[in-house]
């Protein structure tokens, strides 16, 4: 079993060293006005070059076993302020 975080798009192990530092992060938040919890998943340099749709599809596959009802919600379908920085 890996001892380091895995890339959301593949099985690459990542850590804080320059050789294994994530190139990006995939943020998952519940659909609610003021989420108090979320999940941050690293993205390796190789997967960071993938199209957004491919990263989303990989995330659904990777997390589907622990979160079977996980699905992407199009921000255009949300009401109120969409997007957070």
N, C-alpha and C. Protein backbone atom coordinates (compact mmCIF):
# COMPACT_ATOMS: atom_id res chain seq x y z
N UNK A 1 0.84 -1.18 0.00
CA UNK A 1 0.00 0.00 0.00
C UNK A 1 0.89 1.25 0.00
N UNK A 2 0.58 2.23 -0.86
CA UNK A 2 1.39 3.45 -0.93
C UNK A 2 1.38 4.22 0.39
N UNK A 3 2.50 4.84 0.67
CA UNK A 3 2.62 5.64 1.88
C UNK A 3 2.55 7.14 1.57
N UNK A 4 2.46 7.48 0.30
CA UNK A 4 2.40 8.88 -0.12
C UNK A 4 1.08 9.14 -0.83
N UNK A 5 0.70 10.41 -0.94
CA UNK A 5 -0.52 10.72 -1.72
C UNK A 5 -0.35 10.28 -3.17
N UNK A 6 -1.44 9.82 -3.77
CA UNK A 6 -1.43 9.42 -5.17
C UNK A 6 -2.08 10.48 -6.03
N UNK A 7 -1.60 10.61 -7.25
CA UNK A 7 -2.21 11.50 -8.23
C UNK A 7 -3.65 11.06 -8.46
N UNK A 8 -4.54 12.01 -8.65
CA UNK A 8 -5.96 11.70 -8.89
C UNK A 8 -6.16 11.06 -10.27
N UNK A 9 -5.19 11.23 -11.18
CA UNK A 9 -5.35 10.71 -12.53
C UNK A 9 -4.58 9.44 -12.83
N UNK A 10 -3.66 9.04 -11.92
CA UNK A 10 -2.87 7.82 -12.14
C UNK A 10 -2.34 7.35 -10.78
N UNK A 11 -1.45 6.41 -10.80
CA UNK A 11 -0.93 5.86 -9.54
C UNK A 11 0.40 6.48 -9.12
N UNK A 12 0.77 7.62 -9.67
CA UNK A 12 2.04 8.27 -9.31
C UNK A 12 2.00 8.70 -7.84
N UNK A 13 3.05 8.32 -7.09
CA UNK A 13 3.16 8.75 -5.70
C UNK A 13 3.81 10.13 -5.68
N UNK A 14 3.28 11.00 -4.84
CA UNK A 14 3.76 12.39 -4.77
C UNK A 14 4.15 12.72 -3.34
N UNK A 15 5.04 13.71 -3.19
CA UNK A 15 5.41 14.21 -1.87
C UNK A 15 5.96 15.63 -2.03
N UNK A 16 6.61 16.14 -1.01
CA UNK A 16 7.07 17.53 -1.02
C UNK A 16 8.45 17.72 -1.66
N UNK A 17 9.09 16.65 -2.13
CA UNK A 17 10.37 16.81 -2.79
C UNK A 17 10.16 17.35 -4.20
N UNK A 18 11.16 18.01 -4.73
CA UNK A 18 11.03 18.61 -6.06
C UNK A 18 10.72 17.57 -7.13
N UNK A 19 11.27 16.38 -6.99
CA UNK A 19 11.06 15.35 -8.01
C UNK A 19 9.65 14.78 -8.00
N UNK A 20 8.97 14.88 -6.88
CA UNK A 20 7.63 14.28 -6.76
C UNK A 20 6.56 15.28 -6.34
N UNK A 21 6.83 16.57 -6.51
CA UNK A 21 5.87 17.58 -6.07
C UNK A 21 4.71 17.67 -7.07
N UNK A 22 3.47 17.78 -6.58
CA UNK A 22 2.33 17.88 -7.50
C UNK A 22 2.42 19.12 -8.39
N UNK A 23 1.97 18.97 -9.62
CA UNK A 23 1.92 20.10 -10.56
C UNK A 23 0.63 20.89 -10.40
N UNK A 24 -0.35 20.29 -9.75
CA UNK A 24 -1.63 20.94 -9.54
C UNK A 24 -2.44 20.18 -8.52
N UNK A 25 -3.62 20.68 -8.25
CA UNK A 25 -4.50 20.06 -7.26
C UNK A 25 -5.93 20.04 -7.78
N UNK A 26 -6.65 19.01 -7.41
CA UNK A 26 -8.05 18.82 -7.78
C UNK A 26 -8.86 19.02 -6.50
N UNK A 27 -9.70 20.02 -6.48
CA UNK A 27 -10.47 20.37 -5.29
C UNK A 27 -11.90 19.86 -5.43
N UNK A 28 -12.36 19.15 -4.40
CA UNK A 28 -13.72 18.61 -4.39
C UNK A 28 -14.45 19.21 -3.20
N UNK A 29 -15.58 19.86 -3.47
CA UNK A 29 -16.39 20.47 -2.42
C UNK A 29 -17.83 19.98 -2.54
N UNK A 30 -18.52 19.87 -1.42
CA UNK A 30 -19.94 19.51 -1.50
C UNK A 30 -20.74 20.67 -2.09
N UNK A 31 -21.87 20.34 -2.72
CA UNK A 31 -22.73 21.36 -3.30
C UNK A 31 -23.59 21.96 -2.19
N UNK A 32 -23.08 22.99 -1.56
CA UNK A 32 -23.82 23.71 -0.52
C UNK A 32 -23.25 25.11 -0.41
N UNK A 33 -23.99 25.99 0.20
CA UNK A 33 -23.62 27.40 0.24
C UNK A 33 -22.27 27.63 0.93
N UNK A 34 -22.06 27.05 2.08
CA UNK A 34 -20.83 27.26 2.82
C UNK A 34 -20.23 25.92 3.23
N UNK A 35 -19.53 25.26 2.30
CA UNK A 35 -18.97 23.95 2.65
C UNK A 35 -17.93 24.09 3.75
N UNK A 36 -17.97 23.18 4.70
CA UNK A 36 -17.02 23.19 5.80
C UNK A 36 -15.92 22.16 5.60
N UNK A 37 -16.15 21.26 4.70
CA UNK A 37 -15.16 20.22 4.41
C UNK A 37 -15.00 20.09 2.91
N UNK A 38 -13.85 19.64 2.52
CA UNK A 38 -13.58 19.39 1.13
C UNK A 38 -12.45 18.39 1.03
N UNK A 39 -12.08 18.09 -0.17
CA UNK A 39 -10.99 17.15 -0.40
C UNK A 39 -10.06 17.77 -1.43
N UNK A 40 -8.77 17.71 -1.15
CA UNK A 40 -7.76 18.20 -2.08
C UNK A 40 -6.95 16.99 -2.54
N UNK A 41 -6.92 16.76 -3.84
CA UNK A 41 -6.19 15.62 -4.41
C UNK A 41 -5.09 16.17 -5.32
N UNK A 42 -3.88 15.63 -5.20
CA UNK A 42 -2.79 16.12 -6.04
C UNK A 42 -2.90 15.61 -7.48
N UNK A 43 -2.30 16.37 -8.39
CA UNK A 43 -2.20 15.99 -9.80
C UNK A 43 -0.72 16.00 -10.16
N UNK A 44 -0.22 14.89 -10.69
CA UNK A 44 1.20 14.78 -11.04
C UNK A 44 1.50 15.60 -12.29
N UNK A 45 2.79 15.89 -12.54
CA UNK A 45 3.14 16.67 -13.74
C UNK A 45 2.64 16.04 -15.05
N UNK A 46 2.71 14.71 -15.17
CA UNK A 46 2.25 14.06 -16.41
C UNK A 46 0.75 14.26 -16.62
N UNK A 47 -0.04 14.08 -15.56
CA UNK A 47 -1.50 14.22 -15.70
C UNK A 47 -1.93 15.69 -15.79
N UNK A 48 -1.09 16.60 -15.35
CA UNK A 48 -1.47 18.02 -15.42
C UNK A 48 -1.61 18.51 -16.85
N UNK A 49 -1.07 17.77 -17.80
CA UNK A 49 -1.18 18.14 -19.21
C UNK A 49 -2.43 17.59 -19.88
N UNK A 50 -3.19 16.78 -19.14
CA UNK A 50 -4.43 16.23 -19.69
C UNK A 50 -5.50 17.31 -19.76
N UNK A 51 -6.47 17.09 -20.62
CA UNK A 51 -7.62 18.00 -20.73
C UNK A 51 -8.43 17.90 -19.44
N UNK A 52 -9.11 18.98 -19.08
CA UNK A 52 -9.93 19.00 -17.86
C UNK A 52 -10.92 17.84 -17.81
N UNK A 53 -11.57 17.56 -18.93
CA UNK A 53 -12.56 16.48 -18.97
C UNK A 53 -11.93 15.14 -18.63
N UNK A 54 -10.72 14.92 -19.09
CA UNK A 54 -10.03 13.66 -18.81
C UNK A 54 -9.66 13.57 -17.32
N UNK A 55 -9.27 14.68 -16.72
CA UNK A 55 -8.96 14.70 -15.28
C UNK A 55 -10.24 14.44 -14.48
N UNK A 56 -11.34 15.09 -14.85
CA UNK A 56 -12.62 14.85 -14.16
C UNK A 56 -13.03 13.38 -14.26
N UNK A 57 -12.92 12.81 -15.45
CA UNK A 57 -13.29 11.41 -15.63
C UNK A 57 -12.43 10.49 -14.77
N UNK A 58 -11.14 10.76 -14.71
CA UNK A 58 -10.24 9.97 -13.87
C UNK A 58 -10.57 10.10 -12.40
N UNK A 59 -10.96 11.29 -11.98
CA UNK A 59 -11.33 11.51 -10.57
C UNK A 59 -12.58 10.72 -10.21
N UNK A 60 -13.55 10.69 -11.09
CA UNK A 60 -14.78 9.93 -10.82
C UNK A 60 -14.46 8.44 -10.70
N UNK A 61 -13.58 7.94 -11.55
CA UNK A 61 -13.19 6.53 -11.48
C UNK A 61 -12.40 6.27 -10.19
N UNK A 62 -11.43 7.14 -9.90
CA UNK A 62 -10.56 6.94 -8.73
C UNK A 62 -11.34 7.00 -7.42
N UNK A 63 -12.33 7.86 -7.34
CA UNK A 63 -13.06 8.06 -6.09
C UNK A 63 -14.39 7.31 -6.05
N UNK A 64 -14.78 6.70 -7.16
CA UNK A 64 -16.07 6.02 -7.23
C UNK A 64 -16.25 4.90 -6.23
N UNK A 65 -15.17 4.24 -5.86
CA UNK A 65 -15.27 3.15 -4.90
C UNK A 65 -15.62 3.60 -3.50
N UNK A 66 -15.18 4.80 -3.13
CA UNK A 66 -15.49 5.31 -1.79
C UNK A 66 -16.63 6.31 -1.79
N UNK A 67 -16.97 6.81 -2.98
CA UNK A 67 -18.01 7.82 -3.11
C UNK A 67 -18.85 7.48 -4.34
N UNK A 68 -19.68 6.44 -4.25
CA UNK A 68 -20.38 5.92 -5.44
C UNK A 68 -21.32 6.92 -6.11
N UNK A 69 -21.80 7.91 -5.41
CA UNK A 69 -22.72 8.87 -6.01
C UNK A 69 -22.02 10.14 -6.48
N UNK A 70 -20.70 10.13 -6.50
CA UNK A 70 -19.93 11.28 -6.96
C UNK A 70 -20.28 11.60 -8.41
N UNK A 71 -20.51 12.86 -8.68
CA UNK A 71 -20.76 13.29 -10.05
C UNK A 71 -20.35 14.74 -10.18
N UNK A 72 -20.10 15.12 -11.40
CA UNK A 72 -19.72 16.49 -11.68
C UNK A 72 -20.98 17.32 -11.88
N UNK A 73 -21.02 18.48 -11.27
CA UNK A 73 -22.12 19.41 -11.46
C UNK A 73 -21.59 20.58 -12.28
N UNK A 74 -22.20 20.84 -13.39
CA UNK A 74 -21.80 21.95 -14.24
C UNK A 74 -22.03 23.26 -13.49
N UNK A 75 -21.00 24.09 -13.32
CA UNK A 75 -21.18 25.36 -12.60
C UNK A 75 -22.30 26.23 -13.17
N UNK A 76 -22.59 26.12 -14.46
CA UNK A 76 -23.66 26.91 -15.07
C UNK A 76 -25.02 26.52 -14.52
N UNK A 77 -25.14 25.30 -13.99
CA UNK A 77 -26.42 24.83 -13.46
C UNK A 77 -26.66 25.27 -12.01
N UNK A 78 -25.64 25.83 -11.38
CA UNK A 78 -25.77 26.25 -9.99
C UNK A 78 -26.41 27.63 -9.92
N UNK A 79 -27.08 27.89 -8.82
CA UNK A 79 -27.67 29.23 -8.64
C UNK A 79 -26.79 30.03 -7.71
N UNK A 80 -26.92 31.33 -7.75
CA UNK A 80 -26.13 32.19 -6.87
C UNK A 80 -24.70 32.33 -7.39
N UNK A 81 -23.82 32.70 -6.47
CA UNK A 81 -22.42 32.87 -6.83
C UNK A 81 -21.80 31.51 -7.12
N UNK A 82 -21.20 31.38 -8.27
CA UNK A 82 -20.51 30.15 -8.60
C UNK A 82 -19.02 30.46 -8.68
N UNK A 83 -18.27 29.51 -8.26
CA UNK A 83 -16.83 29.68 -8.29
C UNK A 83 -16.31 30.31 -7.01
N UNK A 84 -15.23 29.79 -6.56
CA UNK A 84 -14.57 30.31 -5.37
C UNK A 84 -13.10 30.36 -5.67
N UNK A 85 -12.42 31.29 -5.10
CA UNK A 85 -10.97 31.38 -5.31
C UNK A 85 -10.27 31.25 -4.01
